[in-house]
Amino acid sequence: MSRKPTGQIIEPRGKQRSWALRFSAYGKRQFLTLGTPEEGWTRKRAEKELGHVLADVERGTWKPPQRRAPAPSGLESLDEFAADWLAGRRYELRPRTVDDYEWALDYHLLPFFGELTLDEITVIEVDRYKARKLREGRLGGAQINKTLKLLAQILDVAIEYELIERANPARGRRRRVKVEKPQRTWVEPEQLMALIEASDTYLRPVVATLAGAGLRIGEALALDWKDVNLAVGTLRVGHAKTEAGTYREVDLPGGLIEALSEWKAYRSRSGAKDPVLVTRRGRRQTVTNVDHRLKTAIRRANERLEKDDIEPISLRVSPHSLRRTYASLRAALGDDPVYIASQLGHEDPAFTFRVYQRAAKRRQRLSDAYRQAFDRALDWAVIGRIDDSGAPDDASGDRKERQETPRLQG
């Protein structure tokens, strides 16, 4: 059963002097100008018109108004051009990306630029938009920059089509809001085992998977048992944020193999199509539930770390922070940065190189208590199974040998 069509009312504001409607019809976003307040248009009248239009769309009788052909000098409005641009790209983008683009267009870019022709969008207008968004205070600097990035993408295509005969007015660092670089949080290797052991039964396999396989939280929660091969020591990531991360195979460390083996034996339902990470009720874990439980586990782990005179874990740590922990472990074990990047699903290994440079030298500066906890995490993170004695099955598990002969993968 198809969903009922929905839409929104655009109020007159700034350069947009008319009431308008925005809605979906026949697979495309539509923008319908109604009229100005001077012509008698009010919100109540606009709501009534929206009801009529949506009813016609549902019946299949609504017809879009005739569009004028765009003039070669770029007289097509941004609203018209952006609608065609998004319609042409819709099926090559992820659904969430389409939603993000529609949000940026419908609520921010088009209310300001929508009725301007392409050649009327100048550097001055872009700066005015940026200033207005900062003054409104509804969006953070990073979000404002995302909307400007989308505007620049759309105008790039308009320039390619020769609808604009000058440089892209939305490009350039001066068009962006200055945003302070966020302070990243992560779990250091010497803190990891305390966190895993402080996690409850249902969180422990989640933390182990994030830190031991370097998955994004969405990738981890999407895992089914058919994606995990404990006998070989690999798992397959079916869906990821980037193309590099899609359908990649990740090597599992011995500690994670043991943790997942125990978890699988504990669970009564572990068929091929069953989710790996579940709640007490047997449902697939959610990000919200993991976030909540992780904060509790961090507090418990910090009690243990305090007794060992090790720095506590920040309560700002999120599931995503454990990807950096994974990269730190692999770097400290001597794995090649390109291999680490491929395991993380990164297209650009720059992040891995930054972590590698820090982690490879960090162990040498640690005190005894820190180093013992650090080495315990490294033993847990060695690729391959762990036998009853706690040592890796293969000779490559020897830490010194691994640091001298790093794992390579092109």
Protein backbone atom coordinates (compact mmCIF):
# COMPACT_ATOMS: atom_id res chain seq x y z
CA MET A 1 0.00 0.00 0.00
CA SER A 2 1.55 3.32 -1.10
CA ARG A 3 1.89 6.15 1.38
CA LYS A 4 -0.41 9.14 1.14
CA PRO A 5 1.29 12.15 -0.45
CA THR A 6 2.42 14.82 2.00
CA GLY A 7 3.68 18.34 1.60
CA GLN A 8 4.62 21.53 3.37
CA ILE A 9 3.77 25.21 3.19
CA ILE A 10 6.56 27.70 2.46
CA GLU A 11 5.94 31.09 4.03
CA PRO A 12 6.96 34.39 2.40
CA ARG A 13 10.35 35.28 3.82
CA GLY A 14 13.23 37.40 2.62
CA LYS A 15 13.49 37.32 -1.16
CA GLN A 16 10.65 34.83 -1.37
CA ARG A 17 7.60 37.07 -1.29
CA SER A 18 4.96 34.51 -2.18
CA TRP A 19 3.30 31.67 -0.32
CA ALA A 20 4.25 28.35 -1.91
CA LEU A 21 3.79 24.60 -1.58
CA ARG A 22 6.42 21.87 -1.66
CA PHE A 23 5.36 18.25 -2.10
CA SER A 24 6.13 15.04 -3.97
CA ALA A 25 4.19 14.04 -7.08
CA TYR A 26 4.88 11.23 -9.53
CA GLY A 27 8.35 10.55 -8.14
CA LYS A 28 9.57 14.17 -8.25
CA ARG A 29 9.77 17.02 -5.78
CA GLN A 30 7.39 19.83 -6.77
CA PHE A 31 7.41 23.52 -5.84
CA LEU A 32 4.19 25.41 -6.53
CA THR A 33 4.01 29.20 -6.10
CA LEU A 34 0.60 30.41 -4.86
CA GLY A 35 0.67 34.18 -4.43
CA THR A 36 1.68 37.09 -2.22
CA PRO A 37 -0.05 38.32 0.95
CA GLU A 38 -1.02 41.42 -1.02
CA GLU A 39 -2.96 39.13 -3.34
CA GLY A 40 -4.92 37.75 -0.41
CA TRP A 41 -2.92 34.61 0.36
CA THR A 42 -2.76 33.55 4.02
CA ARG A 43 -1.63 30.41 5.81
CA LYS A 44 -5.22 29.22 6.12
CA ARG A 45 -5.77 29.64 2.39
CA ALA A 46 -2.44 27.94 1.64
CA GLU A 47 -3.37 24.97 3.88
CA LYS A 48 -6.65 24.61 2.04
CA GLU A 49 -4.90 24.71 -1.33
CA LEU A 50 -2.36 22.13 -0.15
CA GLY A 51 -5.23 19.80 0.76
CA HIS A 52 -6.74 20.17 -2.73
CA VAL A 53 -3.39 19.60 -4.45
CA LEU A 54 -2.54 16.48 -2.42
CA ALA A 55 -5.99 15.05 -3.09
CA ASP A 56 -5.45 15.57 -6.83
CA VAL A 57 -2.01 13.95 -6.61
CA GLU A 58 -3.49 10.91 -4.86
CA ARG A 59 -6.16 10.64 -7.57
CA GLY A 60 -3.56 11.08 -10.29
CA THR A 61 -5.27 14.14 -11.74
CA TRP A 62 -2.81 16.82 -10.65
CA LYS A 63 -0.74 18.30 -13.45
CA PRO A 64 2.35 20.44 -12.89
CA PRO A 65 2.18 23.94 -14.33
CA GLN A 66 3.83 24.47 -17.69
CA ARG A 67 7.47 25.40 -17.26
CA ARG A 68 9.11 27.98 -19.39
CA ALA A 69 12.17 26.79 -21.26
CA PRO A 70 15.32 27.97 -19.51
CA ALA A 71 17.09 30.79 -21.28
CA PRO A 72 20.70 30.19 -22.34
CA SER A 73 21.81 33.02 -20.05
CA GLY A 74 20.95 30.96 -16.98
CA LEU A 75 17.48 32.36 -16.19
CA GLU A 76 16.28 29.02 -14.81
CA SER A 77 15.58 29.30 -11.09
CA LEU A 78 17.55 27.30 -8.55
CA ASP A 79 14.33 25.62 -7.46
CA GLU A 80 13.68 24.28 -10.96
CA PHE A 81 17.27 23.31 -11.62
CA ALA A 82 17.77 21.65 -8.21
CA ALA A 83 14.61 19.56 -8.69
CA ASP A 84 15.91 18.21 -12.01
CA TRP A 85 19.41 17.74 -10.59
CA LEU A 86 18.17 15.64 -7.68
CA ALA A 87 15.76 13.65 -9.85
CA GLY A 88 18.64 12.74 -12.14
CA ARG A 89 20.86 11.56 -9.29
CA ARG A 90 18.25 9.98 -7.02
CA TYR A 91 18.87 6.37 -8.05
CA GLU A 92 22.65 6.55 -7.72
CA LEU A 93 22.48 7.88 -4.15
CA ARG A 94 21.74 6.08 -0.90
CA PRO A 95 18.21 6.72 0.46
CA ARG A 96 19.63 8.49 3.50
CA THR A 97 21.71 10.77 1.28
CA VAL A 98 18.59 11.67 -0.70
CA ASP A 99 16.81 12.47 2.56
CA ASP A 100 19.71 14.69 3.65
CA TYR A 101 19.70 16.54 0.32
CA GLU A 102 15.94 17.08 0.44
CA TRP A 103 16.22 18.38 4.01
CA ALA A 104 18.94 20.86 3.02
CA LEU A 105 16.99 22.02 -0.04
CA ASP A 106 13.49 22.17 1.42
CA TYR A 107 14.27 23.77 4.77
CA HIS A 108 17.32 25.89 4.06
CA LEU A 109 18.58 26.49 0.52
CA LEU A 110 15.35 26.88 -1.44
CA PRO A 111 13.56 29.16 1.05
CA PHE A 112 16.48 31.57 0.58
CA PHE A 113 17.69 30.98 -3.00
CA GLY A 114 14.73 29.16 -4.56
CA GLU A 115 13.27 31.96 -6.66
CA LEU A 116 16.62 33.41 -7.69
CA THR A 117 17.78 32.57 -11.18
CA LEU A 118 21.07 30.71 -11.40
CA ASP A 119 22.99 33.79 -12.51
CA GLU A 120 21.54 35.80 -9.61
CA ILE A 121 23.25 33.54 -7.05
CA THR A 122 26.40 35.52 -6.38
CA VAL A 123 29.10 35.45 -3.73
CA ILE A 124 27.24 38.25 -1.95
CA GLU A 125 24.03 36.19 -1.82
CA VAL A 126 25.91 33.14 -0.55
CA ASP A 127 27.50 35.20 2.22
CA ARG A 128 24.11 36.65 3.11
CA TYR A 129 22.72 33.13 3.38
CA LYS A 130 25.58 32.09 5.66
CA ALA A 131 25.09 35.18 7.84
CA ARG A 132 21.36 34.56 8.14
CA LYS A 133 21.84 30.94 9.19
CA LEU A 134 24.37 31.97 11.83
CA ARG A 135 21.98 34.67 13.07
CA GLU A 136 19.06 32.23 13.30
CA GLY A 137 21.16 29.89 15.43
CA ARG A 138 19.21 26.77 14.42
CA LEU A 139 22.10 25.07 12.64
CA GLY A 140 25.65 24.49 13.78
CA GLY A 141 28.56 25.61 11.65
CA ALA A 142 29.20 22.12 10.28
CA GLN A 143 25.55 21.77 9.20
CA ILE A 144 25.56 25.16 7.49
CA ASN A 145 28.69 24.09 5.62
CA LYS A 146 26.95 20.90 4.49
CA THR A 147 24.14 22.93 2.92
CA LEU A 148 26.70 25.17 1.20
CA LYS A 149 28.56 22.12 -0.07
CA LEU A 150 25.32 20.84 -1.63
CA LEU A 151 24.68 24.23 -3.22
CA ALA A 152 28.20 24.19 -4.67
CA GLN A 153 27.61 20.70 -6.12
CA ILE A 154 24.42 21.83 -7.84
CA LEU A 155 26.01 24.99 -9.23
CA ASP A 156 28.99 22.96 -10.51
CA VAL A 157 26.59 21.14 -12.82
CA ALA A 158 24.95 24.42 -13.86
CA ILE A 159 28.40 25.70 -14.86
CA GLU A 160 29.07 22.51 -16.84
CA TYR A 161 25.77 23.05 -18.66
CA GLU A 162 26.94 26.61 -19.44
CA LEU A 163 24.00 28.11 -17.58
CA ILE A 164 26.44 30.17 -15.49
CA GLU A 165 29.39 31.90 -17.09
CA ARG A 166 31.59 32.51 -14.04
CA ALA A 167 33.24 30.76 -11.11
CA ASN A 168 31.08 28.85 -8.65
CA PRO A 169 29.95 31.42 -6.01
CA ALA A 170 29.48 28.72 -3.35
CA ARG A 171 33.05 27.41 -3.60
CA GLY A 172 35.99 28.53 -1.50
CA ARG A 173 37.02 28.51 2.15
CA ARG A 174 35.74 32.05 2.67
CA ARG A 175 32.22 30.89 1.91
CA ARG A 176 32.34 28.41 4.79
CA VAL A 177 31.70 28.87 8.48
CA LYS A 178 34.82 28.45 10.59
CA VAL A 179 34.30 25.31 12.65
CA GLU A 180 36.57 24.21 15.45
CA LYS A 181 38.03 20.78 14.89
CA PRO A 182 36.13 18.39 17.17
CA GLN A 183 38.08 16.67 19.91
CA ARG A 184 37.96 12.97 19.14
CA THR A 185 37.50 10.47 21.93
CA TRP A 186 38.66 6.88 21.98
CA VAL A 187 39.47 4.00 24.27
CA GLU A 188 43.20 3.48 24.65
CA PRO A 189 44.48 -0.12 24.38
CA GLU A 190 45.33 -0.20 28.12
CA GLN A 191 41.68 0.70 28.89
CA LEU A 192 40.07 -1.79 26.52
CA MET A 193 40.10 -5.01 28.55
CA ALA A 194 38.64 -3.23 31.57
CA LEU A 195 35.81 -1.94 29.36
CA ILE A 196 35.09 -5.35 27.82
CA GLU A 197 35.04 -7.03 31.23
CA ALA A 198 32.83 -4.28 32.69
CA SER A 199 30.25 -4.70 29.92
CA ASP A 200 27.15 -6.76 30.64
CA THR A 201 26.36 -10.00 28.85
CA TYR A 202 24.56 -8.33 25.95
CA LEU A 203 26.95 -5.42 25.50
CA ARG A 204 30.21 -7.41 25.72
CA PRO A 205 30.01 -8.93 22.22
CA VAL A 206 29.14 -5.49 20.81
CA VAL A 207 32.20 -3.81 22.37
CA ALA A 208 34.41 -6.75 21.37
CA THR A 209 33.18 -6.58 17.76
CA LEU A 210 33.64 -2.82 17.47
CA ALA A 211 37.15 -2.86 18.95
CA GLY A 212 38.26 -6.17 17.45
CA ALA A 213 36.93 -5.73 13.90
CA GLY A 214 36.83 -1.92 13.58
CA LEU A 215 33.24 -1.86 12.33
CA ARG A 216 30.97 1.13 12.31
CA ILE A 217 28.08 0.69 14.73
CA GLY A 218 25.59 0.29 11.88
CA GLU A 219 27.76 -2.37 10.24
CA ALA A 220 28.09 -4.29 13.50
CA LEU A 221 24.39 -4.23 14.32
CA ALA A 222 23.51 -5.38 10.79
CA LEU A 223 25.58 -8.58 11.11
CA ASP A 224 23.82 -11.93 10.81
CA TRP A 225 25.51 -15.21 11.73
CA LYS A 226 25.84 -16.07 8.04
CA ASP A 227 28.27 -13.13 7.80
CA VAL A 228 30.59 -14.55 10.49
CA ASN A 229 32.96 -17.47 9.90
CA LEU A 230 34.45 -18.32 13.30
CA ALA A 231 36.23 -21.40 11.96
CA VAL A 232 38.25 -19.32 9.48
CA GLY A 233 38.30 -16.21 11.65
CA THR A 234 36.67 -13.68 9.30
CA LEU A 235 33.46 -11.74 8.97
CA ARG A 236 31.87 -10.11 5.95
CA VAL A 237 30.50 -6.59 6.03
CA GLY A 238 27.44 -6.42 3.79
CA HIS A 239 26.60 -2.73 3.89
CA ALA A 240 28.85 0.19 4.69
CA LYS A 241 29.05 3.98 4.56
CA THR A 242 31.52 4.08 1.65
CA GLU A 243 32.08 2.02 -1.49
CA ALA A 244 35.44 0.91 -0.07
CA GLY A 245 33.66 -0.46 2.97
CA THR A 246 30.98 -2.45 1.12
CA TYR A 247 31.25 -6.25 1.03
CA ARG A 248 34.68 -6.29 2.61
CA GLU A 249 36.11 -9.20 4.55
CA VAL A 250 37.59 -8.47 7.97
CA ASP A 251 40.13 -10.66 9.76
CA LEU A 252 39.19 -11.43 13.36
CA PRO A 253 41.59 -11.34 16.31
CA GLY A 254 41.73 -14.31 18.66
CA GLY A 255 40.04 -12.46 21.49
CA LEU A 256 37.06 -11.58 19.33
CA ILE A 257 36.77 -15.13 17.98
CA GLU A 258 36.62 -16.43 21.54
CA ALA A 259 34.10 -13.77 22.59
CA LEU A 260 31.78 -14.48 19.64
CA SER A 261 32.13 -18.25 20.10
CA GLU A 262 31.05 -17.96 23.74
CA TRP A 263 28.24 -15.59 22.75
CA LYS A 264 26.99 -17.94 20.04
CA ALA A 265 26.96 -20.86 22.47
CA TYR A 266 25.06 -18.72 25.01
CA ARG A 267 22.38 -17.71 22.51
CA SER A 268 19.58 -20.19 21.83
CA ARG A 269 18.97 -18.76 18.34
CA SER A 270 22.07 -18.57 16.18
CA GLY A 271 20.90 -19.68 12.77
CA ALA A 272 22.41 -18.26 9.59
CA LYS A 273 19.72 -15.59 9.25
CA ASP A 274 19.60 -14.64 12.93
CA PRO A 275 21.23 -11.36 14.01
CA VAL A 276 24.54 -11.66 15.82
CA LEU A 277 24.04 -8.83 18.30
CA VAL A 278 20.70 -8.89 20.07
CA THR A 279 18.92 -7.53 23.15
CA ARG A 280 17.60 -9.56 26.09
CA ARG A 281 14.37 -10.07 24.15
CA GLY A 282 16.22 -11.51 21.19
CA ARG A 283 15.70 -8.51 18.94
CA ARG A 284 18.48 -6.90 16.94
CA GLN A 285 20.44 -4.42 19.04
CA THR A 286 19.82 -0.71 18.47
CA VAL A 287 22.22 2.23 18.55
CA THR A 288 20.24 3.85 21.36
CA ASN A 289 20.44 0.76 23.55
CA VAL A 290 24.17 0.36 22.91
CA ASP A 291 24.83 4.04 23.73
CA HIS A 292 22.96 3.74 27.02
CA ARG A 293 24.67 0.51 28.09
CA LEU A 294 28.09 1.76 27.03
CA LYS A 295 27.93 4.70 29.45
CA THR A 296 27.15 2.28 32.31
CA ALA A 297 30.03 0.00 31.28
CA ILE A 298 32.45 2.95 31.14
CA ARG A 299 31.61 3.93 34.72
CA ARG A 300 32.22 0.37 35.91
CA ALA A 301 35.46 0.10 33.95
CA ASN A 302 36.71 3.37 35.42
CA GLU A 303 36.38 1.96 38.94
CA ARG A 304 38.76 -0.84 37.92
CA LEU A 305 41.12 1.53 36.10
CA GLU A 306 41.27 3.85 39.10
CA LYS A 307 42.46 0.97 41.29
CA ASP A 308 45.19 0.22 38.73
CA ASP A 309 46.20 3.91 38.54
CA ILE A 310 45.27 4.06 34.86
CA GLU A 311 43.59 7.09 33.33
CA PRO A 312 39.76 6.69 33.19
CA ILE A 313 37.78 6.44 29.96
CA SER A 314 35.96 9.60 28.91
CA LEU A 315 32.18 9.45 29.21
CA ARG A 316 32.10 11.15 25.81
CA VAL A 317 33.29 7.90 24.22
CA SER A 318 30.79 6.58 21.67
CA PRO A 319 30.58 3.28 19.78
CA HIS A 320 32.35 5.00 16.86
CA SER A 321 35.30 5.82 19.15
CA LEU A 322 36.20 2.13 19.17
CA ARG A 323 37.19 2.29 15.49
CA ARG A 324 40.17 4.38 16.54
CA THR A 325 40.90 1.81 19.26
CA TYR A 326 40.94 -0.88 16.57
CA ALA A 327 43.36 1.14 14.43
CA SER A 328 45.60 1.74 17.48
CA LEU A 329 45.74 -1.97 18.28
CA ARG A 330 46.55 -2.97 14.73
CA ALA A 331 49.22 -0.25 14.45
CA ALA A 332 50.82 -1.27 17.75
CA LEU A 333 50.92 -4.86 16.49
CA GLY A 334 52.82 -3.70 13.41
CA ASP A 335 50.16 -4.15 10.72
CA ASP A 336 50.69 -2.16 7.55
CA PRO A 337 48.62 1.10 7.45
CA VAL A 338 47.21 0.26 4.01
CA TYR A 339 45.99 -3.09 5.34
CA ILE A 340 44.43 -1.38 8.37
CA ALA A 341 42.66 1.14 6.12
CA SER A 342 41.25 -1.64 3.94
CA GLN A 343 39.99 -3.50 7.02
CA LEU A 344 38.30 -0.32 8.27
CA GLY A 345 36.71 0.25 4.86
CA HIS A 346 38.48 3.57 4.33
CA GLU A 347 39.01 4.88 0.80
CA ASP A 348 41.74 7.21 2.06
CA PRO A 349 44.38 5.77 4.46
CA ALA A 350 45.24 9.25 5.83
CA PHE A 351 43.34 8.60 9.08
CA THR A 352 45.14 5.31 9.55
CA PHE A 353 48.54 6.90 9.01
CA ARG A 354 47.80 9.51 11.68
CA VAL A 355 46.77 6.88 14.21
CA TYR A 356 49.66 4.64 13.17
CA GLN A 357 52.29 7.29 13.82
CA ARG A 358 50.94 7.87 17.31
CA ALA A 359 50.21 4.29 18.34
CA ALA A 360 53.40 2.68 17.04
CA LYS A 361 55.56 4.68 19.48
CA ARG A 362 53.15 5.06 22.37
CA ARG A 363 53.86 1.77 24.18
CA GLN A 364 57.51 2.71 24.75
CA ARG A 365 56.48 5.71 26.89
CA LEU A 366 54.08 3.83 29.20
CA SER A 367 54.70 3.03 32.84
CA ASP A 368 54.60 -0.58 34.08
CA ALA A 369 50.90 -0.64 35.04
CA TYR A 370 49.89 0.94 31.74
CA ARG A 371 52.18 -1.34 29.75
CA GLN A 372 50.84 -4.53 31.30
CA ALA A 373 47.26 -3.53 30.50
CA PHE A 374 48.38 -2.40 27.02
CA ASP A 375 50.09 -5.76 26.32
CA ARG A 376 47.04 -7.65 27.53
CA ALA A 377 44.96 -5.86 24.91
CA LEU A 378 47.57 -6.61 22.23
CA ASP A 379 47.46 -10.33 23.09
CA TRP A 380 43.68 -10.19 22.78
CA ALA A 381 43.95 -8.42 19.40
CA VAL A 382 46.41 -10.77 17.66
CA ILE A 383 44.88 -12.20 14.48
CA GLY A 384 44.09 -15.90 14.89
CA ARG A 385 42.69 -18.18 17.58
CA ILE A 386 43.86 -18.24 21.19
CA ASP A 387 44.59 -21.67 22.69
CA ASP A 388 43.98 -22.71 26.28
CA SER A 389 47.27 -21.21 27.44
CA GLY A 390 46.25 -17.77 26.18
CA ALA A 391 48.86 -17.74 23.39
CA PRO A 392 47.95 -17.37 19.70
CA ASP A 393 47.79 -20.60 17.69
CA ASP A 394 50.17 -19.43 14.97
CA ALA A 395 53.75 -18.26 15.25
CA SER A 396 52.75 -14.94 13.76
CA GLY A 397 51.09 -14.14 17.07
CA ASP A 398 54.41 -13.35 18.69
CA ARG A 399 54.30 -9.59 19.24
CA LYS A 400 57.97 -8.95 18.54
CA GLU A 401 57.91 -10.93 15.32
CA ARG A 402 54.72 -9.17 14.14
CA GLN A 403 56.27 -5.75 14.71
CA GLU A 404 59.26 -6.73 12.61
CA THR A 405 57.20 -8.30 9.80
CA PRO A 406 54.03 -6.22 9.37
CA ARG A 407 51.00 -7.56 7.58
CA LEU A 408 50.81 -6.19 4.05
CA GLN A 409 47.85 -5.78 1.78
CA GLY A 410 47.73 -3.65 -1.32
